[in-house]
PDB file of all heavy atoms in Angstrom:
ATOM      1  N   ASN A   1       0.833  -1.193  -0.003  1.00  0.00           N
ATOM      2  CA  ASN A   1       0.000   0.000   0.000  1.00  0.00           C
ATOM      3  C   ASN A   1       0.867   1.245  -0.002  1.00  0.00           C
ATOM      4  O   ASN A   1       2.085   1.179   0.151  1.00  0.00           O
ATOM      5  CB  ASN A   1      -0.985   0.017   1.182  1.00  0.00           C
ATOM      6  CG  ASN A   1      -0.286   0.179   2.523  1.00  0.00           C
ATOM      7  OD1 ASN A   1       0.861   0.620   2.618  1.00  0.00           O
ATOM      8  ND2 ASN A   1      -0.974  -0.187   3.585  1.00  0.00           N
ATOM      9  N   TYR A   2       0.206   2.393  -0.159  1.00  0.00           N
ATOM     10  CA  TYR A   2       0.864   3.700  -0.156  1.00  0.00           C
ATOM     11  C   TYR A   2      -0.231   4.708   0.173  1.00  0.00           C
ATOM     12  O   TYR A   2      -1.116   4.937  -0.647  1.00  0.00           O
ATOM     13  CB  TYR A   2       1.462   3.996  -1.527  1.00  0.00           C
ATOM     14  CG  TYR A   2       2.233   5.304  -1.638  1.00  0.00           C
ATOM     15  CD1 TYR A   2       3.627   5.313  -1.661  1.00  0.00           C
ATOM     16  CD2 TYR A   2       1.564   6.515  -1.731  1.00  0.00           C
ATOM     17  CE1 TYR A   2       4.335   6.505  -1.770  1.00  0.00           C
ATOM     18  CE2 TYR A   2       2.268   7.713  -1.829  1.00  0.00           C
ATOM     19  CZ  TYR A   2       3.649   7.705  -1.856  1.00  0.00           C
ATOM     20  OH  TYR A   2       4.354   8.894  -1.967  1.00  0.00           O
ATOM     21  N   HIS A   3      -0.213   5.285   1.381  1.00  0.00           N
ATOM     22  CA  HIS A   3      -1.326   6.173   1.699  1.00  0.00           C
ATOM     23  C   HIS A   3      -1.017   7.101   2.877  1.00  0.00           C
ATOM     24  O   HIS A   3      -0.074   6.884   3.634  1.00  0.00           O
ATOM     25  CB  HIS A   3      -2.583   5.360   1.999  1.00  0.00           C
ATOM     26  CG  HIS A   3      -2.449   4.409   3.152  1.00  0.00           C
ATOM     27  ND1 HIS A   3      -2.565   4.798   4.454  1.00  0.00           N
ATOM     28  CD2 HIS A   3      -2.219   3.071   3.195  1.00  0.00           C
ATOM     29  CE1 HIS A   3      -2.418   3.756   5.251  1.00  0.00           C
ATOM     30  NE2 HIS A   3      -2.199   2.696   4.511  1.00  0.00           N
ATOM     31  N   HIS A   4      -1.863   8.127   3.010  1.00  0.00           N
ATOM     32  CA  HIS A   4      -1.840   9.022   4.159  1.00  0.00           C
ATOM     33  C   HIS A   4      -2.411   8.288   5.370  1.00  0.00           C
ATOM     34  O   HIS A   4      -3.295   7.424   5.227  1.00  0.00           O
ATOM     35  CB  HIS A   4      -2.676  10.272   3.899  1.00  0.00           C
ATOM     36  CG  HIS A   4      -2.087  11.189   2.883  1.00  0.00           C
ATOM     37  ND1 HIS A   4      -1.257  12.238   3.208  1.00  0.00           N
ATOM     38  CD2 HIS A   4      -2.203  11.204   1.532  1.00  0.00           C
ATOM     39  CE1 HIS A   4      -0.888  12.867   2.111  1.00  0.00           C
ATOM     40  NE2 HIS A   4      -1.445  12.267   1.073  1.00  0.00           N
ATOM     41  N   VAL A   5      -1.937   8.659   6.544  1.00  0.00           N
ATOM     42  CA  VAL A   5      -2.482   8.086   7.764  1.00  0.00           C
ATOM     43  C   VAL A   5      -2.855   9.216   8.718  1.00  0.00           C
ATOM     44  O   VAL A   5      -2.298  10.311   8.666  1.00  0.00           O
ATOM     45  CB  VAL A   5      -1.494   7.107   8.438  1.00  0.00           C
ATOM     46  CG1 VAL A   5      -1.246   5.910   7.550  1.00  0.00           C
ATOM     47  CG2 VAL A   5      -0.171   7.803   8.751  1.00  0.00           C
ATOM     48  N   ALA A   6      -3.806   8.953   9.580  1.00  0.00           N
ATOM     49  CA  ALA A   6      -4.315   9.975  10.491  1.00  0.00           C
ATOM     50  C   ALA A   6      -3.312  10.271  11.607  1.00  0.00           C
ATOM     51  O   ALA A   6      -2.567   9.385  12.023  1.00  0.00           O
ATOM     52  CB  ALA A   6      -5.638   9.510  11.091  1.00  0.00           C
ATOM     53  N   PRO A   7      -3.279  11.506  12.100  1.00  0.00           N
ATOM     54  CA  PRO A   7      -2.442  11.809  13.259  1.00  0.00           C
ATOM     55  C   PRO A   7      -2.792  10.900  14.438  1.00  0.00           C
ATOM     56  O   PRO A   7      -3.958  10.556  14.649  1.00  0.00           O
ATOM     57  CB  PRO A   7      -2.785  13.273  13.573  1.00  0.00           C
ATOM     58  CG  PRO A   7      -3.311  13.825  12.293  1.00  0.00           C
ATOM     59  CD  PRO A   7      -4.016  12.676  11.617  1.00  0.00           C
ATOM     60  N   ALA A   8      -1.769  10.480  15.163  1.00  0.00           N
ATOM     61  CA  ALA A   8      -1.922   9.628  16.350  1.00  0.00           C
ATOM     62  C   ALA A   8      -2.400   8.207  16.015  1.00  0.00           C
ATOM     63  O   ALA A   8      -2.773   7.454  16.924  1.00  0.00           O
ATOM     64  CB  ALA A   8      -2.849  10.265  17.371  1.00  0.00           C
ATOM     65  N   ALA A   9      -2.380   7.808  14.736  1.00  0.00           N
ATOM     66  CA  ALA A   9      -2.781   6.443  14.374  1.00  0.00           C
ATOM     67  C   ALA A   9      -1.813   5.429  14.995  1.00  0.00           C
ATOM     68  O   ALA A   9      -0.613   5.677  15.101  1.00  0.00           O
ATOM     69  CB  ALA A   9      -2.809   6.287  12.858  1.00  0.00           C
ATOM     70  N   VAL A  10      -2.356   4.282  15.409  1.00  0.00           N
ATOM     71  CA  VAL A  10      -1.571   3.245  16.084  1.00  0.00           C
ATOM     72  C   VAL A  10      -1.902   1.886  15.470  1.00  0.00           C
ATOM     73  O   VAL A  10      -3.072   1.580  15.203  1.00  0.00           O
ATOM     74  CB  VAL A  10      -1.866   3.205  17.598  1.00  0.00           C
ATOM     75  CG1 VAL A  10      -1.040   2.107  18.272  1.00  0.00           C
ATOM     76  CG2 VAL A  10      -1.577   4.554  18.250  1.00  0.00           C
ATOM     77  N   TRP A  11      -0.861   1.076  15.255  1.00  0.00           N
ATOM     78  CA  TRP A  11      -1.027  -0.304  14.817  1.00  0.00           C
ATOM     79  C   TRP A  11      -0.352  -1.198  15.849  1.00  0.00           C
ATOM     80  O   TRP A  11       0.853  -1.115  16.075  1.00  0.00           O
ATOM     81  CB  TRP A  11      -0.389  -0.537  13.454  1.00  0.00           C
ATOM     82  CG  TRP A  11      -1.000   0.270  12.352  1.00  0.00           C
ATOM     83  CD1 TRP A  11      -1.960  -0.132  11.465  1.00  0.00           C
ATOM     84  CD2 TRP A  11      -0.693   1.634  12.024  1.00  0.00           C
ATOM     85  NE1 TRP A  11      -2.275   0.890  10.615  1.00  0.00           N
ATOM     86  CE2 TRP A  11      -1.512   1.999  10.926  1.00  0.00           C
ATOM     87  CE3 TRP A  11       0.183   2.583  12.547  1.00  0.00           C
ATOM     88  CZ2 TRP A  11      -1.473   3.251  10.346  1.00  0.00           C
ATOM     89  CZ3 TRP A  11       0.236   3.835  11.979  1.00  0.00           C
ATOM     90  CH2 TRP A  11      -0.589   4.164  10.893  1.00  0.00           C
ATOM     91  N   GLY A  12      -1.128  -2.083  16.476  1.00  0.00           N
ATOM     92  CA  GLY A  12      -0.551  -3.001  17.428  1.00  0.00           C
ATOM     93  C   GLY A  12      -0.927  -2.689  18.864  1.00  0.00           C
ATOM     94  O   GLY A  12      -1.733  -1.777  19.117  1.00  0.00           O
ATOM     95  N   PRO A  13      -0.361  -3.502  19.776  1.00  0.00           N
ATOM     96  CA  PRO A  13       0.681  -4.512  19.537  1.00  0.00           C
ATOM     97  C   PRO A  13       0.171  -5.600  18.587  1.00  0.00           C
ATOM     98  O   PRO A  13      -0.968  -6.038  18.707  1.00  0.00           O
ATOM     99  CB  PRO A  13       0.963  -5.080  20.930  1.00  0.00           C
ATOM    100  CG  PRO A  13       0.468  -4.034  21.883  1.00  0.00           C
ATOM    101  CD  PRO A  13      -0.708  -3.405  21.209  1.00  0.00           C
ATOM    102  N   ARG A  14       1.032  -6.005  17.685  1.00  0.00           N
ATOM    103  CA  ARG A  14       0.658  -6.998  16.691  1.00  0.00           C
ATOM    104  C   ARG A  14       1.862  -7.862  16.348  1.00  0.00           C
ATOM    105  O   ARG A  14       3.004  -7.513  16.641  1.00  0.00           O
ATOM    106  CB  ARG A  14       0.132  -6.319  15.419  1.00  0.00           C
ATOM    107  CG  ARG A  14       1.167  -5.449  14.733  1.00  0.00           C
ATOM    108  CD  ARG A  14       0.618  -4.804  13.485  1.00  0.00           C
ATOM    109  NE  ARG A  14       1.673  -4.060  12.784  1.00  0.00           N
ATOM    110  CZ  ARG A  14       1.524  -3.533  11.572  1.00  0.00           C
ATOM    111  NH1 ARG A  14       0.373  -3.667  10.927  1.00  0.00           N
ATOM    112  NH2 ARG A  14       2.517  -2.888  10.999  1.00  0.00           N
ATOM    113  N   ARG A  15       1.562  -8.988  15.713  1.00  0.00           N
ATOM    114  CA  ARG A  15       2.616  -9.900  15.251  1.00  0.00           C
ATOM    115  C   ARG A  15       2.227 -10.367  13.867  1.00  0.00           C
ATOM    116  O   ARG A  15       1.087 -10.812  13.643  1.00  0.00           O
ATOM    117  CB  ARG A  15       2.735 -11.090  16.200  1.00  0.00           C
ATOM    118  CG  ARG A  15       3.837 -12.061  15.803  1.00  0.00           C
ATOM    119  CD  ARG A  15       3.856 -13.250  16.722  1.00  0.00           C
ATOM    120  NE  ARG A  15       4.154 -12.870  18.100  1.00  0.00           N
ATOM    121  CZ  ARG A  15       4.164 -13.724  19.116  1.00  0.00           C
ATOM    122  NH1 ARG A  15       3.840 -14.987  18.907  1.00  0.00           N
ATOM    123  NH2 ARG A  15       4.457 -13.297  20.321  1.00  0.00           N
ATOM    124  N   ILE A  16       3.145 -10.251  12.915  1.00  0.00           N
ATOM    125  CA  ILE A  16       2.859 -10.570  11.514  1.00  0.00           C
ATOM    126  C   ILE A  16       3.675 -11.790  11.104  1.00  0.00           C
ATOM    127  O   ILE A  16       4.839 -11.945  11.508  1.00  0.00           O
ATOM    128  CB  ILE A  16       3.177  -9.361  10.620  1.00  0.00           C
ATOM    129  CG1 ILE A  16       2.267  -8.184  11.011  1.00  0.00           C
ATOM    130  CG2 ILE A  16       2.987  -9.693   9.144  1.00  0.00           C
ATOM    131  CD1 ILE A  16       2.599  -6.900  10.321  1.00  0.00           C
ATOM    132  N   ALA A  17       3.068 -12.656  10.283  1.00  0.00           N
ATOM    133  CA  ALA A  17       3.692 -13.931   9.942  1.00  0.00           C
ATOM    134  C   ALA A  17       4.769 -13.808   8.877  1.00  0.00           C
ATOM    135  O   ALA A  17       5.561 -14.736   8.689  1.00  0.00           O
ATOM    136  CB  ALA A  17       2.620 -14.921   9.478  1.00  0.00           C
ATOM    137  N   ASP A  18       4.799 -12.685   8.151  1.00  0.00           N
ATOM    138  CA  ASP A  18       5.803 -12.551   7.097  1.00  0.00           C
ATOM    139  C   ASP A  18       6.609 -11.268   7.290  1.00  0.00           C
ATOM    140  O   ASP A  18       6.376 -10.493   8.211  1.00  0.00           O
ATOM    141  CB  ASP A  18       5.152 -12.590   5.709  1.00  0.00           C
ATOM    142  CG  ASP A  18       3.974 -11.634   5.581  1.00  0.00           C
ATOM    143  OD1 ASP A  18       3.910 -10.669   6.368  1.00  0.00           O
ATOM    144  OD2 ASP A  18       3.128 -11.836   4.704  1.00  0.00           O
ATOM    145  N   LEU A  19       7.570 -11.046   6.430  1.00  0.00           N
ATOM    146  CA  LEU A  19       8.404  -9.848   6.467  1.00  0.00           C
ATOM    147  C   LEU A  19       7.583  -8.626   6.077  1.00  0.00           C
ATOM    148  O   LEU A  19       6.781  -8.680   5.138  1.00  0.00           O
ATOM    149  CB  LEU A  19       9.570 -10.010   5.476  1.00  0.00           C
ATOM    150  CG  LEU A  19      10.386  -8.752   5.132  1.00  0.00           C
ATOM    151  CD1 LEU A  19      11.160  -8.253   6.356  1.00  0.00           C
ATOM    152  CD2 LEU A  19      11.339  -9.049   3.977  1.00  0.00           C
ATOM    153  N   GLU A  20       7.788  -7.522   6.791  1.00  0.00           N
ATOM    154  CA  GLU A  20       7.150  -6.257   6.419  1.00  0.00           C
ATOM    155  C   GLU A  20       8.210  -5.172   6.310  1.00  0.00           C
ATOM    156  O   GLU A  20       9.056  -5.015   7.195  1.00  0.00           O
ATOM    157  CB  GLU A  20       6.100  -5.826   7.446  1.00  0.00           C
ATOM    158  CG  GLU A  20       5.407  -4.522   7.052  1.00  0.00           C
ATOM    159  CD  GLU A  20       4.311  -4.105   8.018  1.00  0.00           C
ATOM    160  OE1 GLU A  20       4.237  -4.680   9.121  1.00  0.00           O
ATOM    161  OE2 GLU A  20       3.535  -3.187   7.671  1.00  0.00           O
ATOM    162  N   LEU A  21       8.165  -4.425   5.198  1.00  0.00           N
ATOM    163  CA  LEU A  21       9.002  -3.246   5.000  1.00  0.00           C
ATOM    164  C   LEU A  21       8.098  -2.021   4.981  1.00  0.00           C
ATOM    165  O   LEU A  21       7.098  -2.009   4.259  1.00  0.00           O
ATOM    166  CB  LEU A  21       9.778  -3.330   3.684  1.00  0.00           C
ATOM    167  CG  LEU A  21      10.755  -4.487   3.517  1.00  0.00           C
ATOM    168  CD1 LEU A  21      11.407  -4.420   2.134  1.00  0.00           C
ATOM    169  CD2 LEU A  21      11.820  -4.493   4.593  1.00  0.00           C
ATOM    170  N   ILE A  22       8.448  -1.007   5.763  1.00  0.00           N
ATOM    171  CA  ILE A  22       7.657   0.215   5.827  1.00  0.00           C
ATOM    172  C   ILE A  22       8.545   1.398   5.494  1.00  0.00           C
ATOM    173  O   ILE A  22       9.517   1.671   6.202  1.00  0.00           O
ATOM    174  CB  ILE A  22       7.043   0.416   7.229  1.00  0.00           C
ATOM    175  CG1 ILE A  22       6.176  -0.774   7.616  1.00  0.00           C
ATOM    176  CG2 ILE A  22       6.240   1.719   7.278  1.00  0.00           C
ATOM    177  CD1 ILE A  22       5.679  -0.725   9.054  1.00  0.00           C
ATOM    178  N   LEU A  23       8.219   2.104   4.418  1.00  0.00           N
ATOM    179  CA  LEU A  23       8.929   3.322   4.040  1.00  0.00           C
ATOM    180  C   LEU A  23       8.170   4.521   4.584  1.00  0.00           C
ATOM    181  O   LEU A  23       6.980   4.693   4.311  1.00  0.00           O
ATOM    182  CB  LEU A  23       9.033   3.437   2.512  1.00  0.00           C
ATOM    183  CG  LEU A  23       9.539   4.784   1.980  1.00  0.00           C
ATOM    184  CD1 LEU A  23      10.996   5.025   2.366  1.00  0.00           C
ATOM    185  CD2 LEU A  23       9.367   4.868   0.462  1.00  0.00           C
ATOM    186  N   VAL A  24       8.859   5.356   5.352  1.00  0.00           N
ATOM    187  CA  VAL A  24       8.251   6.590   5.843  1.00  0.00           C
ATOM    188  C   VAL A  24       8.338   7.628   4.725  1.00  0.00           C
ATOM    189  O   VAL A  24       9.419   8.079   4.364  1.00  0.00           O
ATOM    190  CB  VAL A  24       8.957   7.103   7.108  1.00  0.00           C
ATOM    191  CG1 VAL A  24       8.306   8.410   7.580  1.00  0.00           C
ATOM    192  CG2 VAL A  24       8.895   6.054   8.213  1.00  0.00           C
ATOM    193  N   VAL A  25       7.194   7.995   4.171  1.00  0.00           N
ATOM    194  CA  VAL A  25       7.135   8.956   3.065  1.00  0.00           C
ATOM    195  C   VAL A  25       7.054  10.383   3.588  1.00  0.00           C
ATOM    196  O   VAL A  25       7.633  11.310   3.022  1.00  0.00           O
ATOM    197  CB  VAL A  25       5.933   8.643   2.140  1.00  0.00           C
ATOM    198  CG1 VAL A  25       5.848   9.654   1.005  1.00  0.00           C
ATOM    199  CG2 VAL A  25       6.042   7.226   1.592  1.00  0.00           C
ATOM    200  N   GLU A  26       6.365  10.546   4.695  1.00  0.00           N
ATOM    201  CA  GLU A  26       6.197  11.882   5.280  1.00  0.00           C
ATOM    202  C   GLU A  26       5.948  11.721   6.781  1.00  0.00           C
ATOM    203  O   GLU A  26       5.300  10.775   7.226  1.00  0.00           O
ATOM    204  CB  GLU A  26       5.008  12.601   4.634  1.00  0.00           C
ATOM    205  CG  GLU A  26       4.794  14.023   5.126  1.00  0.00           C
ATOM    206  CD  GLU A  26       3.622  14.704   4.448  1.00  0.00           C
ATOM    207  OE1 GLU A  26       2.866  14.015   3.715  1.00  0.00           O
ATOM    208  OE2 GLU A  26       3.450  15.925   4.626  1.00  0.00           O
TER     209      GLU A  26
END
């Protein structure tokens, strides 16, 4: 994906079964 996110948005605590790469765009 590639998208804007809301201020103060939170993901987790979570555990993912595969590799995740996250690029900080802004």
